[in-house]
């Protein structure tokens, strides 16, 4: 799901209010490094993997999305 969102480029160029309207409120807002973090759940396979979406901003517009995977 995260990768589909990234591939679609739907959020690129949107401002923070538009992102909030689409994704809701983020779990973390880092104002110094200009990114929002969304927790996207845990997947299984060989162990558990937590998935997070990082939305990076410049001049209040989305410039990049990143899918972070953290394995336990």
PDB file of N, CA and C in Angstrom:
ATOM      1  N   UNK A   1       0.813  -1.192   0.000  1.00  0.00           N
ATOM      2  CA  UNK A   1       0.000   0.000   0.000  1.00  0.00           C
ATOM      3  C   UNK A   1       0.863   1.265   0.000  1.00  0.00           C
ATOM      4  N   UNK A   2       1.885   1.297   0.859  1.00  0.00           N
ATOM      5  CA  UNK A   2       2.774   2.464   0.889  1.00  0.00           C
ATOM      6  C   UNK A   2       3.485   2.613  -0.452  1.00  0.00           C
ATOM      7  N   UNK A   3       3.984   1.501  -0.975  1.00  0.00           N
ATOM      8  CA  UNK A   3       4.717   1.567  -2.238  1.00  0.00           C
ATOM      9  C   UNK A   3       3.810   2.032  -3.377  1.00  0.00           C
ATOM     10  N   UNK A   4       2.544   1.619  -3.360  1.00  0.00           N
ATOM     11  CA  UNK A   4       1.595   2.084  -4.372  1.00  0.00           C
ATOM     12  C   UNK A   4       1.388   3.596  -4.280  1.00  0.00           C
ATOM     13  N   UNK A   5       1.291   4.103  -3.056  1.00  0.00           N
ATOM     14  CA  UNK A   5       1.127   5.539  -2.846  1.00  0.00           C
ATOM     15  C   UNK A   5       2.355   6.293  -3.359  1.00  0.00           C
ATOM     16  N   UNK A   6       3.524   5.770  -3.064  1.00  0.00           N
ATOM     17  CA  UNK A   6       4.763   6.402  -3.530  1.00  0.00           C
ATOM     18  C   UNK A   6       4.820   6.375  -5.057  1.00  0.00           C
ATOM     19  N   UNK A   7       4.550   5.216  -5.644  1.00  0.00           N
ATOM     20  CA  UNK A   7       4.617   5.071  -7.102  1.00  0.00           C
ATOM     21  C   UNK A   7       3.613   5.974  -7.826  1.00  0.00           C
ATOM     22  N   UNK A   8       2.465   6.213  -7.208  1.00  0.00           N
ATOM     23  CA  UNK A   8       1.432   7.040  -7.854  1.00  0.00           C
ATOM     24  C   UNK A   8       1.808   8.517  -7.887  1.00  0.00           C
ATOM     25  N   UNK A   9       2.730   8.926  -7.013  1.00  0.00           N
ATOM     26  CA  UNK A   9       3.158  10.334  -6.891  1.00  0.00           C
ATOM     27  C   UNK A   9       1.994  11.267  -6.540  1.00  0.00           C
ATOM     28  N   UNK A  10       0.944  10.708  -5.965  1.00  0.00           N
ATOM     29  CA  UNK A  10      -0.266  11.452  -5.603  1.00  0.00           C
ATOM     30  C   UNK A  10       0.024  12.637  -4.685  1.00  0.00           C
ATOM     31  N   UNK A  11       0.956  12.471  -3.757  1.00  0.00           N
ATOM     32  CA  UNK A  11       1.198  13.510  -2.754  1.00  0.00           C
ATOM     33  C   UNK A  11       2.255  14.534  -3.162  1.00  0.00           C
ATOM     34  N   UNK A  12       3.039  14.235  -4.180  1.00  0.00           N
ATOM     35  CA  UNK A  12       4.114  15.143  -4.588  1.00  0.00           C
ATOM     36  C   UNK A  12       3.509  16.487  -5.011  1.00  0.00           C
ATOM     37  N   UNK A  13       4.043  17.555  -4.407  1.00  0.00           N
ATOM     38  CA  UNK A  13       3.585  18.909  -4.722  1.00  0.00           C
ATOM     39  C   UNK A  13       2.412  19.387  -3.872  1.00  0.00           C
ATOM     40  N   UNK A  14       1.826  18.498  -3.090  1.00  0.00           N
ATOM     41  CA  UNK A  14       0.696  18.896  -2.236  1.00  0.00           C
ATOM     42  C   UNK A  14       1.227  19.606  -0.998  1.00  0.00           C
ATOM     43  N   UNK A  15       0.411  20.515  -0.445  1.00  0.00           N
ATOM     44  CA  UNK A  15       0.822  21.191   0.786  1.00  0.00           C
ATOM     45  C   UNK A  15       0.394  20.363   2.000  1.00  0.00           C
ATOM     46  N   UNK A  16       0.817  20.790   3.164  1.00  0.00           N
ATOM     47  CA  UNK A  16       0.586  20.004   4.380  1.00  0.00           C
ATOM     48  C   UNK A  16      -0.899  19.818   4.694  1.00  0.00           C
ATOM     49  N   UNK A  17      -1.714  20.813   4.414  1.00  0.00           N
ATOM     50  CA  UNK A  17      -3.148  20.660   4.684  1.00  0.00           C
ATOM     51  C   UNK A  17      -3.781  19.628   3.755  1.00  0.00           C
ATOM     52  N   UNK A  18      -3.328  19.560   2.518  1.00  0.00           N
ATOM     53  CA  UNK A  18      -3.839  18.558   1.574  1.00  0.00           C
ATOM     54  C   UNK A  18      -3.411  17.153   1.992  1.00  0.00           C
ATOM     55  N   UNK A  19      -2.171  17.027   2.459  1.00  0.00           N
ATOM     56  CA  UNK A  19      -1.685  15.724   2.929  1.00  0.00           C
ATOM     57  C   UNK A  19      -2.500  15.275   4.130  1.00  0.00           C
ATOM     58  N   UNK A  20      -2.739  16.191   5.056  1.00  0.00           N
ATOM     59  CA  UNK A  20      -3.525  15.863   6.245  1.00  0.00           C
ATOM     60  C   UNK A  20      -4.946  15.457   5.869  1.00  0.00           C
ATOM     61  N   UNK A  21      -5.514  16.075   4.855  1.00  0.00           N
ATOM     62  CA  UNK A  21      -6.857  15.728   4.395  1.00  0.00           C
ATOM     63  C   UNK A  21      -6.888  14.311   3.805  1.00  0.00           C
ATOM     64  N   UNK A  22      -5.828  13.922   3.121  1.00  0.00           N
ATOM     65  CA  UNK A  22      -5.760  12.609   2.483  1.00  0.00           C
ATOM     66  C   UNK A  22      -5.374  11.513   3.477  1.00  0.00           C
ATOM     67  N   UNK A  23      -4.337  11.749   4.287  1.00  0.00           N
ATOM     68  CA  UNK A  23      -3.785  10.713   5.168  1.00  0.00           C
ATOM     69  C   UNK A  23      -4.179  10.843   6.638  1.00  0.00           C
ATOM     70  N   UNK A  24      -4.714  11.987   7.014  1.00  0.00           N
ATOM     71  CA  UNK A  24      -5.004  12.222   8.419  1.00  0.00           C
ATOM     72  C   UNK A  24      -3.788  12.808   9.122  1.00  0.00           C
ATOM     73  N   UNK A  25      -3.882  12.918  10.432  1.00  0.00           N
ATOM     74  CA  UNK A  25      -2.791  13.492  11.218  1.00  0.00           C
ATOM     75  C   UNK A  25      -1.651  12.485  11.368  1.00  0.00           C
ATOM     76  N   UNK A  26      -0.416  12.943  11.216  1.00  0.00           N
ATOM     77  CA  UNK A  26       0.726  12.038  11.368  1.00  0.00           C
ATOM     78  C   UNK A  26       0.991  11.723  12.839  1.00  0.00           C
ATOM     79  N   UNK A  27       1.694  10.630  13.069  1.00  0.00           N
ATOM     80  CA  UNK A  27       2.106  10.281  14.429  1.00  0.00           C
ATOM     81  C   UNK A  27       3.230  11.196  14.911  1.00  0.00           C
ATOM     82  N   UNK A  28       4.030  11.694  13.975  1.00  0.00           N
ATOM     83  CA  UNK A  28       5.163  12.540  14.323  1.00  0.00           C
ATOM     84  C   UNK A  28       5.305  13.646  13.284  1.00  0.00           C
ATOM     85  N   UNK A  29       5.511  14.872  13.773  1.00  0.00           N
ATOM     86  CA  UNK A  29       5.844  16.008  12.907  1.00  0.00           C
ATOM     87  C   UNK A  29       7.203  16.530  13.359  1.00  0.00           C
ATOM     88  N   UNK A  30       8.190  16.471  12.491  1.00  0.00           N
ATOM     89  CA  UNK A  30       9.515  17.005  12.796  1.00  0.00           C
ATOM     90  C   UNK A  30       9.663  18.319  12.038  1.00  0.00           C
ATOM     91  N   UNK A  31       9.486  19.422  12.747  1.00  0.00           N
ATOM     92  CA  UNK A  31       9.494  20.735  12.109  1.00  0.00           C
ATOM     93  C   UNK A  31      10.900  21.183  11.715  1.00  0.00           C
ATOM     94  N   UNK A  32      11.929  20.706  12.430  1.00  0.00           N
ATOM     95  CA  UNK A  32      13.293  21.112  12.092  1.00  0.00           C
ATOM     96  C   UNK A  32      13.780  20.453  10.804  1.00  0.00           C
ATOM     97  N   UNK A  33      13.420  19.172  10.625  1.00  0.00           N
ATOM     98  CA  UNK A  33      13.863  18.471   9.427  1.00  0.00           C
ATOM     99  C   UNK A  33      12.766  18.389   8.368  1.00  0.00           C
ATOM    100  N   UNK A  34      11.627  19.016   8.646  1.00  0.00           N
ATOM    101  CA  UNK A  34      10.523  19.134   7.691  1.00  0.00           C
ATOM    102  C   UNK A  34      10.002  17.803   7.165  1.00  0.00           C
ATOM    103  N   UNK A  35       9.662  16.896   8.096  1.00  0.00           N
ATOM    104  CA  UNK A  35       9.011  15.679   7.650  1.00  0.00           C
ATOM    105  C   UNK A  35       7.923  15.261   8.628  1.00  0.00           C
ATOM    106  N   UNK A  36       6.980  14.493   8.099  1.00  0.00           N
ATOM    107  CA  UNK A  36       5.922  13.865   8.889  1.00  0.00           C
ATOM    108  C   UNK A  36       6.111  12.369   8.796  1.00  0.00           C
ATOM    109  N   UNK A  37       5.756  11.683   9.877  1.00  0.00           N
ATOM    110  CA  UNK A  37       5.887  10.226   9.916  1.00  0.00           C
ATOM    111  C   UNK A  37       4.537   9.600  10.228  1.00  0.00           C
ATOM    112  N   UNK A  38       4.154   8.617   9.413  1.00  0.00           N
ATOM    113  CA  UNK A  38       2.918   7.866   9.602  1.00  0.00           C
ATOM    114  C   UNK A  38       3.265   6.409   9.869  1.00  0.00           C
ATOM    115  N   UNK A  39       2.685   5.847  10.902  1.00  0.00           N
ATOM    116  CA  UNK A  39       2.842   4.422  11.178  1.00  0.00           C
ATOM    117  C   UNK A  39       1.820   3.677  10.332  1.00  0.00           C
ATOM    118  N   UNK A  40       2.267   2.683   9.573  1.00  0.00           N
ATOM    119  CA  UNK A  40       1.381   2.002   8.632  1.00  0.00           C
ATOM    120  C   UNK A  40       1.109   0.553   9.006  1.00  0.00           C
ATOM    121  N   UNK A  41       1.526   0.141  10.193  1.00  0.00           N
ATOM    122  CA  UNK A  41       1.189  -1.209  10.637  1.00  0.00           C
ATOM    123  C   UNK A  41       2.365  -2.162  10.614  1.00  0.00           C
ATOM    124  N   UNK A  42       2.072  -3.401  10.987  1.00  0.00           N
ATOM    125  CA  UNK A  42       3.064  -4.459  11.087  1.00  0.00           C
ATOM    126  C   UNK A  42       2.710  -5.585  10.137  1.00  0.00           C
ATOM    127  N   UNK A  43       3.691  -6.039   9.394  1.00  0.00           N
ATOM    128  CA  UNK A  43       3.511  -7.187   8.508  1.00  0.00           C
ATOM    129  C   UNK A  43       4.292  -8.371   9.047  1.00  0.00           C
ATOM    130  N   UNK A  44       3.933  -9.544   8.580  1.00  0.00           N
ATOM    131  CA  UNK A  44       4.631 -10.751   9.029  1.00  0.00           C
ATOM    132  C   UNK A  44       5.307 -11.422   7.849  1.00  0.00           C
ATOM    133  N   UNK A  45       6.058 -12.393   8.121  1.00  0.00           N
ATOM    134  CA  UNK A  45       6.835 -13.157   7.147  1.00  0.00           C
ATOM    135  C   UNK A  45       7.797 -13.947   7.997  1.00  0.00           C
ATOM    136  N   UNK A  46       9.062 -13.676   7.875  1.00  0.00           N
ATOM    137  CA  UNK A  46      10.056 -14.251   8.781  1.00  0.00           C
ATOM    138  C   UNK A  46      10.295 -13.223   9.885  1.00  0.00           C
ATOM    139  N   UNK A  47       9.428 -13.198  10.877  1.00  0.00           N
ATOM    140  CA  UNK A  47       9.461 -12.181  11.928  1.00  0.00           C
ATOM    141  C   UNK A  47       8.445 -11.108  11.618  1.00  0.00           C
ATOM    142  N   UNK A  48       8.527 -10.037  12.360  1.00  0.00           N
ATOM    143  CA  UNK A  48       7.596  -8.926  12.176  1.00  0.00           C
ATOM    144  C   UNK A  48       8.325  -7.729  11.592  1.00  0.00           C
ATOM    145  N   UNK A  49       7.632  -6.997  10.718  1.00  0.00           N
ATOM    146  CA  UNK A  49       8.202  -5.803  10.109  1.00  0.00           C
ATOM    147  C   UNK A  49       7.237  -4.644  10.308  1.00  0.00           C
ATOM    148  N   UNK A  50       7.722  -3.578  10.941  1.00  0.00           N
ATOM    149  CA  UNK A  50       6.931  -2.360  11.100  1.00  0.00           C
ATOM    150  C   UNK A  50       7.142  -1.492   9.864  1.00  0.00           C
ATOM    151  N   UNK A  51       6.045  -0.921   9.358  1.00  0.00           N
ATOM    152  CA  UNK A  51       6.094  -0.089   8.164  1.00  0.00           C
ATOM    153  C   UNK A  51       5.730   1.345   8.525  1.00  0.00           C
ATOM    154  N   UNK A  52       6.519   2.278   7.996  1.00  0.00           N
ATOM    155  CA  UNK A  52       6.264   3.692   8.230  1.00  0.00           C
ATOM    156  C   UNK A  52       6.397   4.445   6.918  1.00  0.00           C
ATOM    157  N   UNK A  53       5.589   5.480   6.784  1.00  0.00           N
ATOM    158  CA  UNK A  53       5.671   6.375   5.638  1.00  0.00           C
ATOM    159  C   UNK A  53       6.242   7.699   6.123  1.00  0.00           C
ATOM    160  N   UNK A  54       7.307   8.140   5.468  1.00  0.00           N
ATOM    161  CA  UNK A  54       7.908   9.433   5.753  1.00  0.00           C
ATOM    162  C   UNK A  54       7.533  10.377   4.618  1.00  0.00           C
ATOM    163  N   UNK A  55       6.959  11.524   4.973  1.00  0.00           N
ATOM    164  CA  UNK A  55       6.577  12.550   3.993  1.00  0.00           C
ATOM    165  C   UNK A  55       7.482  13.755   4.234  1.00  0.00           C
ATOM    166  N   UNK A  56       8.322  14.065   3.252  1.00  0.00           N
ATOM    167  CA  UNK A  56       9.275  15.171   3.391  1.00  0.00           C
ATOM    168  C   UNK A  56       8.763  16.398   2.645  1.00  0.00           C
ATOM    169  N   UNK A  57       8.912  17.552   3.310  1.00  0.00           N
ATOM    170  CA  UNK A  57       8.415  18.824   2.779  1.00  0.00           C
ATOM    171  C   UNK A  57       9.559  19.800   2.516  1.00  0.00           C
ATOM    172  N   UNK A  58       9.342  20.681   1.557  1.00  0.00           N
ATOM    173  CA  UNK A  58      10.183  21.865   1.342  1.00  0.00           C
ATOM    174  C   UNK A  58       9.224  22.981   0.944  1.00  0.00           C
ATOM    175  N   UNK A  59       9.338  24.113   1.605  1.00  0.00           N
ATOM    176  CA  UNK A  59       8.433  25.246   1.362  1.00  0.00           C
ATOM    177  C   UNK A  59       6.964  24.817   1.450  1.00  0.00           C
ATOM    178  N   UNK A  60       6.668  23.966   2.426  1.00  0.00           N
ATOM    179  CA  UNK A  60       5.318  23.468   2.715  1.00  0.00           C
ATOM    180  C   UNK A  60       4.719  22.618   1.591  1.00  0.00           C
ATOM    181  N   UNK A  61       5.549  22.082   0.705  1.00  0.00           N
ATOM    182  CA  UNK A  61       5.096  21.193  -0.369  1.00  0.00           C
ATOM    183  C   UNK A  61       5.830  19.859  -0.255  1.00  0.00           C
ATOM    184  N   UNK A  62       5.132  18.766  -0.541  1.00  0.00           N
ATOM    185  CA  UNK A  62       5.754  17.439  -0.495  1.00  0.00           C
ATOM    186  C   UNK A  62       6.771  17.326  -1.621  1.00  0.00           C
ATOM    187  N   UNK A  63       7.994  16.930  -1.246  1.00  0.00           N
ATOM    188  CA  UNK A  63       9.039  16.743  -2.249  1.00  0.00           C
ATOM    189  C   UNK A  63       9.472  15.285  -2.359  1.00  0.00           C
ATOM    190  N   UNK A  64       9.160  14.474  -1.324  1.00  0.00           N
ATOM    191  CA  UNK A  64       9.633  13.092  -1.343  1.00  0.00           C
ATOM    192  C   UNK A  64       8.846  12.246  -0.354  1.00  0.00           C
ATOM    193  N   UNK A  65       8.631  10.998  -0.715  1.00  0.00           N
ATOM    194  CA  UNK A  65       8.019  10.014   0.175  1.00  0.00           C
ATOM    195  C   UNK A  65       8.989   8.858   0.343  1.00  0.00           C
ATOM    196  N   UNK A  66       9.028   8.290   1.539  1.00  0.00           N
ATOM    197  CA  UNK A  66       9.941   7.181   1.815  1.00  0.00           C
ATOM    198  C   UNK A  66       9.232   6.110   2.623  1.00  0.00           C
ATOM    199  N   UNK A  67       9.442   4.852   2.259  1.00  0.00           N
ATOM    200  CA  UNK A  67       8.889   3.705   2.971  1.00  0.00           C
ATOM    201  C   UNK A  67       9.989   3.125   3.850  1.00  0.00           C
ATOM    202  N   UNK A  68       9.802   3.215   5.159  1.00  0.00           N
ATOM    203  CA  UNK A  68      10.770   2.685   6.123  1.00  0.00           C
ATOM    204  C   UNK A  68      10.237   1.343   6.637  1.00  0.00           C
ATOM    205  N   UNK A  69      11.095   0.327   6.598  1.00  0.00           N
ATOM    206  CA  UNK A  69      10.747  -1.009   7.111  1.00  0.00           C
ATOM    207  C   UNK A  69      11.718  -1.347   8.232  1.00  0.00           C
ATOM    208  N   UNK A  70      11.152  -1.629   9.411  1.00  0.00           N
ATOM    209  CA  UNK A  70      11.984  -1.983  10.569  1.00  0.00           C
ATOM    210  C   UNK A  70      11.612  -3.373  11.028  1.00  0.00           C
ATOM    211  N   UNK A  71      12.585  -4.282  10.954  1.00  0.00           N
ATOM    212  CA  UNK A  71      12.319  -5.657  11.377  1.00  0.00           C
ATOM    213  C   UNK A  71      12.669  -5.853  12.837  1.00  0.00           C
ATOM    214  N   UNK A  72      11.834  -6.654  13.496  1.00  0.00           N
ATOM    215  CA  UNK A  72      12.097  -7.010  14.903  1.00  0.00           C
ATOM    216  C   UNK A  72      13.109  -8.115  14.964  1.00  0.00           C
TER     217      UNK A  72
END
